[in-house]
Amino acid sequence: MELIEVKTKVKEIIAEIIEMEVDEFKDTDSFVDDLGLDSLKALEILAAVEKEFKIEIPEEKLAELTTVDNTVSIAMDIINQ
């Protein structure tokens, strides 16, 4: 799977969960500081990304799911294993 495909889908997932349009947030925006997400929303993102790409993200990686870019990077690492 290509990086652009993963990034596009991750952004769509996040936009749906945080109830914003994809163009209303940046890839580098902090989920907590910039977008106001709480830990439950972060878990929703984690679960949705895992389901979409049929992967399992280790729980210890949850703390690293802080931006779109970080989430895409973690997903790509697991997809490409």
Protein backbone atom coordinates (compact mmCIF):
# COMPACT_ATOMS: atom_id res chain seq x y z
CA MET A 1 0.00 0.00 0.00
CA GLU A 2 1.28 3.45 -0.93
CA LEU A 3 1.96 6.18 1.62
CA ILE A 4 -0.50 8.59 -0.04
CA GLU A 5 -3.28 5.98 0.15
CA VAL A 6 -2.64 5.37 3.83
CA LYS A 7 -2.42 9.09 4.63
CA THR A 8 -5.65 9.85 2.76
CA LYS A 9 -7.56 7.10 4.54
CA VAL A 10 -6.13 7.97 7.97
CA LYS A 11 -7.16 11.61 7.46
CA GLU A 12 -10.67 10.52 6.48
CA ILE A 13 -10.91 8.32 9.59
CA ILE A 14 -9.71 11.11 11.87
CA ALA A 15 -12.01 13.68 10.24
CA GLU A 16 -15.01 11.43 10.81
CA ILE A 17 -14.13 10.76 14.45
CA ILE A 18 -13.43 14.40 15.32
CA GLU A 19 -16.34 15.62 13.19
CA MET A 20 -14.28 17.99 11.04
CA GLU A 21 -13.53 18.24 7.35
CA VAL A 22 -10.17 16.87 6.19
CA ASP A 23 -9.05 20.34 5.13
CA GLU A 24 -9.80 21.83 8.56
CA PHE A 25 -6.74 20.30 10.22
CA LYS A 26 -3.06 19.90 9.33
CA ASP A 27 -1.04 16.70 9.26
CA THR A 28 1.13 18.12 12.04
CA ASP A 29 -1.69 19.31 14.33
CA SER A 30 -1.54 17.75 17.77
CA PHE A 31 -4.64 15.68 18.49
CA VAL A 32 -4.70 16.97 22.07
CA ASP A 33 -3.25 20.49 21.89
CA ASP A 34 -4.61 21.63 18.52
CA LEU A 35 -7.72 19.49 18.04
CA GLY A 36 -8.81 18.99 21.66
CA LEU A 37 -9.08 15.20 21.52
CA ASP A 38 -9.26 13.16 24.70
CA SER A 39 -7.94 9.64 25.26
CA LEU A 40 -11.24 8.05 24.24
CA LYS A 41 -11.10 9.72 20.83
CA ALA A 42 -7.49 8.56 20.49
CA LEU A 43 -8.63 5.00 21.17
CA GLU A 44 -11.37 5.39 18.56
CA ILE A 45 -8.75 6.49 16.02
CA LEU A 46 -6.53 3.55 16.97
CA ALA A 47 -9.38 1.05 16.59
CA ALA A 48 -10.56 2.53 13.28
CA VAL A 49 -7.06 2.53 11.78
CA GLU A 50 -6.51 -1.06 12.88
CA LYS A 51 -9.83 -2.13 11.37
CA GLU A 52 -9.31 -0.25 8.10
CA PHE A 53 -5.84 -1.64 7.43
CA LYS A 54 -6.34 -5.01 9.17
CA ILE A 55 -3.36 -4.41 11.44
CA GLU A 56 -2.71 -4.45 15.16
CA ILE A 57 -1.00 -1.42 16.67
CA PRO A 58 0.70 -2.29 19.97
CA GLU A 59 -0.76 -0.49 22.98
CA GLU A 60 2.62 1.04 23.78
CA LYS A 61 2.41 2.91 20.47
CA LEU A 62 -0.80 4.68 21.56
CA ALA A 63 1.22 7.48 23.18
CA GLU A 64 2.87 8.09 19.79
CA LEU A 65 -0.46 8.57 17.97
CA THR A 66 -0.31 12.33 18.46
CA THR A 67 -0.67 13.69 14.91
CA VAL A 68 -1.82 12.54 11.48
CA ASP A 69 1.82 12.19 10.42
CA ASN A 70 2.72 10.04 13.44
CA THR A 71 -0.35 7.86 12.96
CA VAL A 72 0.43 7.34 9.27
CA SER A 73 4.06 6.53 10.06
CA ILE A 74 3.12 3.92 12.66
CA ALA A 75 0.51 2.37 10.38
CA MET A 76 2.96 2.23 7.46
CA ASP A 77 5.63 0.57 9.61
CA ILE A 78 3.20 -2.17 10.58
CA ILE A 79 1.72 -2.57 7.09
CA ASN A 80 5.21 -2.97 5.61
CA GLN A 81 6.38 -5.61 8.10
